[in-house]
C-alpha atoms as a PDB file:
ATOM      1  CA  MET A   1       0.113  -0.035  -0.149  1.00  0.00           C
ATOM      2  CA  PRO A   2       1.600   3.454  -0.796  1.00  0.00           C
ATOM      3  CA  LYS A   3       2.536   5.641   2.010  1.00  0.00           C
ATOM      4  CA  ASN A   4       0.183   8.428   0.784  1.00  0.00           C
ATOM      5  CA  ASP A   5      -3.161   5.924   0.737  1.00  0.00           C
ATOM      6  CA  LEU A   6      -2.190   4.753   4.181  1.00  0.00           C
ATOM      7  CA  ILE A   7      -2.258   8.377   5.669  1.00  0.00           C
ATOM      8  CA  SER A   8      -5.333   9.192   3.772  1.00  0.00           C
ATOM      9  CA  ARG A   9      -7.025   6.176   5.302  1.00  0.00           C
ATOM     10  CA  LEU A  10      -5.993   6.891   8.633  1.00  0.00           C
ATOM     11  CA  LYS A  11      -6.532  10.387   8.656  1.00  0.00           C
ATOM     12  CA  SER A  12     -10.443   9.756   7.408  1.00  0.00           C
ATOM     13  CA  ALA A  13     -10.805   7.047  10.274  1.00  0.00           C
ATOM     14  CA  PHE A  14      -9.667   9.306  12.693  1.00  0.00           C
ATOM     15  CA  GLY A  15     -11.912  12.105  11.064  1.00  0.00           C
ATOM     16  CA  LEU A  16      -8.917  14.343  10.473  1.00  0.00           C
ATOM     17  CA  GLU A  17      -9.725  14.772   6.612  1.00  0.00           C
ATOM     18  CA  GLU A  18      -9.689  18.483   5.400  1.00  0.00           C
ATOM     19  CA  LYS A  19     -13.096  19.119   4.027  1.00  0.00           C
ATOM     20  CA  PRO A  20     -13.535  20.788   1.189  1.00  0.00           C
ATOM     21  CA  LEU A  21     -14.532  24.387   1.558  1.00  0.00           C
ATOM     22  CA  SER A  22     -17.958  25.618   0.329  1.00  0.00           C
ATOM     23  CA  TYR A  23     -18.823  28.878  -0.814  1.00  0.00           C
ATOM     24  CA  SER A  24     -22.247  31.061  -0.296  1.00  0.00           C
ATOM     25  CA  LEU A  25     -23.152  33.694  -2.583  1.00  0.00           C
ATOM     26  CA  PHE A  26     -23.561  37.324  -1.454  1.00  0.00           C
ATOM     27  CA  ARG A  27     -25.358  40.072  -3.372  1.00  0.00           C
ATOM     28  CA  ASP A  28     -24.590  43.666  -2.581  1.00  0.00           C
ATOM     29  CA  GLY A  29     -27.938  45.338  -1.607  1.00  0.00           C
ATOM     30  CA  LEU A  30     -27.143  48.205  -3.582  1.00  0.00           C
ATOM     31  CA  GLY A  31     -26.497  46.273  -6.795  1.00  0.00           C
ATOM     32  CA  ASN A  32     -22.962  47.006  -7.527  1.00  0.00           C
ATOM     33  CA  PHE A  33     -21.444  43.576  -7.376  1.00  0.00           C
ATOM     34  CA  GLU A  34     -21.761  39.835  -6.257  1.00  0.00           C
ATOM     35  CA  ILE A  35     -19.143  37.296  -4.870  1.00  0.00           C
ATOM     36  CA  PHE A  36     -18.723  34.179  -3.479  1.00  0.00           C
ATOM     37  CA  PHE A  37     -17.692  33.902   0.395  1.00  0.00           C
ATOM     38  CA  PRO A  38     -16.779  30.595   2.218  1.00  0.00           C
ATOM     39  CA  SER A  39     -19.742  29.184   3.823  1.00  0.00           C
ATOM     40  CA  GLY A  40     -19.865  29.868   7.570  1.00  0.00           C
ATOM     41  CA  TRP A  41     -18.347  32.968   7.316  1.00  0.00           C
ATOM     42  CA  LYS A  42     -20.160  36.152   8.843  1.00  0.00           C
ATOM     43  CA  TYR A  43     -20.431  39.693   7.195  1.00  0.00           C
ATOM     44  CA  ASP A  44     -22.555  42.865   8.309  1.00  0.00           C
ATOM     45  CA  ASP A  45     -25.620  43.005   6.103  1.00  0.00           C
ATOM     46  CA  ASP A  46     -26.180  46.755   7.408  1.00  0.00           C
ATOM     47  CA  ILE A  47     -24.407  48.785   4.772  1.00  0.00           C
ATOM     48  CA  ALA A  48     -23.794  52.667   5.771  1.00  0.00           C
ATOM     49  CA  VAL A  49     -23.035  54.660   2.805  1.00  0.00           C
ATOM     50  CA  ILE A  50     -20.857  57.522   3.855  1.00  0.00           C
ATOM     51  CA  ASP A  51     -19.761  60.388   0.629  1.00  0.00           C
ATOM     52  CA  GLY A  52     -20.606  57.748  -1.654  1.00  0.00           C
ATOM     53  CA  LYS A  53     -18.214  54.863  -0.249  1.00  0.00           C
ATOM     54  CA  TYR A  54     -19.128  51.843   1.814  1.00  0.00           C
ATOM     55  CA  THR A  55     -17.208  48.431   2.955  1.00  0.00           C
ATOM     56  CA  ILE A  56     -18.479  44.922   3.197  1.00  0.00           C
ATOM     57  CA  SER A  57     -16.367  42.747   5.360  1.00  0.00           C
ATOM     58  CA  PHE A  58     -16.503  39.092   5.502  1.00  0.00           C
ATOM     59  CA  GLN A  59     -14.732  37.268   8.512  1.00  0.00           C
ATOM     60  CA  SER A  60     -13.582  33.863   9.360  1.00  0.00           C
ATOM     61  CA  ARG A  61     -15.749  31.989  12.273  1.00  0.00           C
ATOM     62  CA  ASP A  62     -12.280  32.366  14.260  1.00  0.00           C
ATOM     63  CA  ASN A  63     -12.033  36.004  13.474  1.00  0.00           C
ATOM     64  CA  LEU A  64      -8.696  35.519  12.060  1.00  0.00           C
ATOM     65  CA  SER A  65      -9.010  36.032   8.392  1.00  0.00           C
ATOM     66  CA  GLN A  66     -10.766  38.560   6.296  1.00  0.00           C
ATOM     67  CA  PHE A  67     -11.848  39.733   3.058  1.00  0.00           C
ATOM     68  CA  THR A  68     -13.296  42.936   2.406  1.00  0.00           C
ATOM     69  CA  VAL A  69     -14.907  44.578  -0.768  1.00  0.00           C
ATOM     70  CA  ALA A  70     -15.005  48.588  -0.448  1.00  0.00           C
ATOM     71  CA  VAL A  71     -16.756  50.853  -3.181  1.00  0.00           C
ATOM     72  CA  ASP A  72     -16.391  54.358  -3.934  1.00  0.00           C
ATOM     73  CA  ALA A  73     -19.238  55.547  -6.280  1.00  0.00           C
ATOM     74  CA  GLN A  74     -19.023  58.944  -6.061  1.00  0.00           C
ATOM     75  CA  LEU A  75     -15.622  60.220  -7.860  1.00  0.00           C
ATOM     76  CA  PRO A  76     -14.624  63.576  -8.398  1.00  0.00           C
ATOM     77  CA  GLU A  77     -14.923  65.054 -12.007  1.00  0.00           C
ATOM     78  CA  LYS A  78     -11.261  65.354 -12.505  1.00  0.00           C
ATOM     79  CA  PHE A  79     -10.342  62.006 -11.341  1.00  0.00           C
ATOM     80  CA  LYS A  80      -7.204  60.209 -12.067  1.00  0.00           C
ATOM     81  CA  PHE A  81      -7.556  56.341 -10.985  1.00  0.00           C
ATOM     82  CA  SER A  82      -3.537  55.966 -10.862  1.00  0.00           C
ATOM     83  CA  LYS A  83      -3.201  58.459  -8.306  1.00  0.00           C
ATOM     84  CA  TYR A  84      -6.205  57.573  -6.535  1.00  0.00           C
ATOM     85  CA  ALA A  85      -4.670  53.958  -6.261  1.00  0.00           C
ATOM     86  CA  LYS A  86      -1.376  54.752  -5.188  1.00  0.00           C
ATOM     87  CA  ALA A  87      -2.537  57.354  -2.412  1.00  0.00           C
ATOM     88  CA  GLU A  88      -5.004  54.563  -0.980  1.00  0.00           C
ATOM     89  CA  LEU A  89      -2.735  51.456  -1.282  1.00  0.00           C
ATOM     90  CA  GLU A  90       0.897  52.721  -0.716  1.00  0.00           C
ATOM     91  CA  GLY A  91      -0.356  55.049   2.519  1.00  0.00           C
ATOM     92  CA  PRO A  92       0.007  53.635   5.865  1.00  0.00           C
ATOM     93  CA  ASN A  93      -2.537  51.287   7.059  1.00  0.00           C
ATOM     94  CA  SER A  94      -2.474  50.102  10.757  1.00  0.00           C
ATOM     95  CA  GLY A  95       1.357  49.934  10.278  1.00  0.00           C
ATOM     96  CA  ILE A  96       1.426  48.025   7.292  1.00  0.00           C
ATOM     97  CA  PHE A  97       3.398  49.654   4.190  1.00  0.00           C
ATOM     98  CA  ALA A  98       3.067  48.272   0.667  1.00  0.00           C
ATOM     99  CA  VAL A  99       4.295  48.561  -2.819  1.00  0.00           C
ATOM    100  CA  VAL A 100       2.065  48.767  -5.476  1.00  0.00           C
ATOM    101  CA  LYS A 101       2.336  47.432  -8.727  1.00  0.00           C
ATOM    102  CA  LYS A 102      -0.046  47.597 -11.900  1.00  0.00           C
ATOM    103  CA  GLY A 103      -2.013  44.647 -13.359  1.00  0.00           C
ATOM    104  CA  LYS A 104      -4.897  43.589 -14.725  1.00  0.00           C
ATOM    105  CA  PHE A 105      -8.218  42.581 -12.864  1.00  0.00           C
ATOM    106  CA  GLN A 106     -10.732  40.603 -15.052  1.00  0.00           C
ATOM    107  CA  GLY A 107      -9.411  42.809 -17.900  1.00  0.00           C
ATOM    108  CA  MET A 108      -9.867  46.047 -16.267  1.00  0.00           C
ATOM    109  CA  ASP A 109      -6.525  47.864 -15.180  1.00  0.00           C
ATOM    110  CA  SER A 110      -5.840  47.555 -11.472  1.00  0.00           C
ATOM    111  CA  TYR A 111      -3.201  48.307  -8.843  1.00  0.00           C
ATOM    112  CA  GLU A 112      -1.997  45.115  -6.556  1.00  0.00           C
ATOM    113  CA  ARG A 113      -0.281  44.711  -3.343  1.00  0.00           C
ATOM    114  CA  GLU A 114       0.870  42.091  -0.973  1.00  0.00           C
ATOM    115  CA  TYR A 115       2.136  42.399   2.340  1.00  0.00           C
ATOM    116  CA  SER A 116       2.658  40.930   5.648  1.00  0.00           C
ATOM    117  CA  TYR A 117       2.356  41.889   9.280  1.00  0.00           C
ATOM    118  CA  SER A 118       2.642  40.758  13.023  1.00  0.00           C
ATOM    119  CA  SER A 119      -0.315  40.878  15.307  1.00  0.00           C
ATOM    120  CA  GLY A 120      -1.140  39.205  18.688  1.00  0.00           C
ATOM    121  CA  GLY A 121       2.195  37.057  18.154  1.00  0.00           C
ATOM    122  CA  ARG A 122       0.875  35.782  14.679  1.00  0.00           C
ATOM    123  CA  LYS A 123       2.421  36.624  11.303  1.00  0.00           C
ATOM    124  CA  TYR A 124      -0.366  37.248   8.704  1.00  0.00           C
ATOM    125  CA  VAL A 125      -0.239  37.692   5.045  1.00  0.00           C
ATOM    126  CA  GLY A 126      -2.590  39.823   2.614  1.00  0.00           C
ATOM    127  CA  GLY A 127      -3.024  41.535  -0.283  1.00  0.00           C
ATOM    128  CA  GLY A 128      -5.206  43.734  -1.983  1.00  0.00           C
ATOM    129  CA  VAL A 129      -6.676  44.681  -5.617  1.00  0.00           C
ATOM    130  CA  MET A 130      -8.045  47.920  -6.707  1.00  0.00           C
ATOM    131  CA  PHE A 131      -9.837  48.718  -9.953  1.00  0.00           C
ATOM    132  CA  LEU A 132     -12.013  50.889 -11.791  1.00  0.00           C
ATOM    133  CA  ALA A 133     -15.248  49.803 -13.268  1.00  0.00           C
ATOM    134  CA  GLY A 134     -17.460  52.373 -14.840  1.00  0.00           C
ATOM    135  CA  SER A 135     -17.921  55.051 -12.493  1.00  0.00           C
ATOM    136  CA  SER A 136     -16.845  53.523  -9.405  1.00  0.00           C
ATOM    137  CA  VAL A 137     -13.886  51.905  -7.588  1.00  0.00           C
ATOM    138  CA  PHE A 138     -13.664  48.681  -6.334  1.00  0.00           C
ATOM    139  CA  SER A 139     -11.042  47.575  -3.665  1.00  0.00           C
ATOM    140  CA  LEU A 140     -10.664  43.857  -2.549  1.00  0.00           C
ATOM    141  CA  SER A 141      -8.343  43.143   0.304  1.00  0.00           C
ATOM    142  CA  TRP A 142      -7.561  40.263   2.272  1.00  0.00           C
ATOM    143  CA  SER A 143      -5.814  38.913   5.177  1.00  0.00           C
ATOM    144  CA  ALA A 144      -5.005  35.847   7.064  1.00  0.00           C
ATOM    145  CA  PRO A 145      -2.606  33.899   9.084  1.00  0.00           C
ATOM    146  CA  GLU A 146       0.272  32.665   7.786  1.00  0.00           C
ATOM    147  CA  SER A 147      -0.343  29.211   9.006  1.00  0.00           C
ATOM    148  CA  HIS A 148      -3.464  28.906   7.312  1.00  0.00           C
ATOM    149  CA  LYS A 149      -2.605  26.713   4.066  1.00  0.00           C
ATOM    150  CA  LYS A 150      -5.785  27.229   2.303  1.00  0.00           C
ATOM    151  CA  SER A 151      -6.218  30.643   2.637  1.00  0.00           C
ATOM    152  CA  GLU A 152      -4.200  31.728  -0.669  1.00  0.00           C
ATOM    153  CA  GLU A 153      -6.711  29.260  -2.753  1.00  0.00           C
ATOM    154  CA  MET A 154      -9.698  30.521  -0.791  1.00  0.00           C
ATOM    155  CA  PHE A 155      -8.868  34.283  -1.595  1.00  0.00           C
ATOM    156  CA  ASP A 156      -7.865  33.399  -5.184  1.00  0.00           C
ATOM    157  CA  HIS A 157     -11.422  31.885  -5.503  1.00  0.00           C
ATOM    158  CA  MET A 158     -13.096  34.958  -3.937  1.00  0.00           C
ATOM    159  CA  ARG A 159     -11.413  37.223  -6.444  1.00  0.00           C
ATOM    160  CA  LYS A 160     -12.252  35.524  -9.418  1.00  0.00           C
ATOM    161  CA  THR A 161     -16.001  35.017  -8.453  1.00  0.00           C
ATOM    162  CA  MET A 162     -16.329  38.974  -8.073  1.00  0.00           C
ATOM    163  CA  VAL A 163     -18.810  40.233 -10.499  1.00  0.00           C
ATOM    164  CA  VAL A 164     -19.329  44.027 -10.843  1.00  0.00           C
ATOM    165  CA  ARG A 165     -22.802  44.916 -11.354  1.00  0.00           C
ATOM    166  CA  LYS A 166     -24.437  48.114 -12.580  1.00  0.00           C
ATOM    167  CA  GLY A 167     -26.006  48.835  -9.293  1.00  0.00           C
ATOM    168  CA  TYR A 168     -27.734  52.117  -7.953  1.00  0.00           C
ATOM    169  CA  SER A 169     -26.358  55.325  -8.397  1.00  0.00           C
ATOM    170  CA  VAL A 170     -24.712  56.901  -5.321  1.00  0.00           C
ATOM    171  CA  VAL A 171     -25.732  60.457  -5.213  1.00  0.00           C
ATOM    172  CA  LYS A 172     -24.470  63.372  -3.185  1.00  0.00           C
ATOM    173  CA  ARG A 173     -26.641  66.242  -3.192  1.00  0.00           C
ATOM    174  CA  LYS A 174     -27.067  69.495  -0.999  1.00  0.00           C
ATOM    175  CA  ILE A 175     -30.527  69.627   0.706  1.00  0.00           C
ATOM    176  CA  LYS A 176     -30.878  73.264   2.379  1.00  0.00           C
ATOM    177  CA  GLY A 177     -27.177  73.747   3.353  1.00  0.00           C
ATOM    178  CA  MET A 178     -26.491  69.863   4.173  1.00  0.00           C
ATOM    179  CA  ASP A 179     -24.521  67.221   2.309  1.00  0.00           C
ATOM    180  CA  VAL A 180     -26.724  64.231   1.910  1.00  0.00           C
ATOM    181  CA  THR A 181     -25.753  60.887   0.531  1.00  0.00           C
ATOM    182  CA  PHE A 182     -28.453  58.454  -1.029  1.00  0.00           C
ATOM    183  CA  THR A 183     -29.127  56.112  -3.423  1.00  0.00           C
ATOM    184  CA  LYS A 184     -31.714  56.275  -6.319  1.00  0.00           C
END
């Protein structure tokens, strides 16, 4: 009997076999995107749109791994994506500094980063990709403990299942001297 077959049988007998990941579909309530995330992960379904921006974070059961989708649907008139992306992705973020590389995400121009950091005695690895889709900027970011072997495969699957939709327009208007953001 081959060694790998014996190990596989022992793992199965003792219930140590790794179960395949299953995914659930998330549809953004504002209609801008959908994505498959690991079943059993949690997210906050209460979306607050502030100045045309909002974020959805998906977290693992143990709260150690995270995948975040941020949407900026209110861009200035003279918008330069390259400048925006570099400022957002290279700026300090909780003590993490990253160098940004230009790339492609689902055929769209994008900027990507990879990073690592330590927190609570654990080493984490992560990354991000930012892309312009129509008149909105989407930013995907993720992190997990370096020891989580399936995290890279899982995050890659999530990135590949991201679908951008033409959702509701996020509009900022002045009403009696107040800035108000709403969707229509």
